[in-house]
């Protein structure tokens, strides 16, 4: 399954309107860094798509990220993916995401506990 900037390869319909450029390595790396912090494998399929996750990474990174970069980063990290529907560039994943706000609170509690124990 080919991955381009826009996402998974689209074959039928007006496929000519989609770019065949691969995602940029710097975007893939940004996604990989986010996934390493927040994503874990899961047994079930998540409800969010690659397109939704790419917006989350954009907010975190403070810059534009392509859908294909998120797909490629997740694939390289071993996350299972499946197309949302036939001829759709987006995918679902077998992953669960730790809520960033919950993670920050947990890390703050850990820092506070270290300071109390010192």
Foldseek 3Di string as FASTA:
>chain_A
DDFALQADQFDDDPSVVDDRHHFDPVLLVLLLVQCVPWKDFAPDWDPDKLVVVQVVSCVVVVHHHGSSSNVVSCVVVPWDWDAPDHRHRIIITRMDTDDPVVVVVVVVVVVVVVVVVD
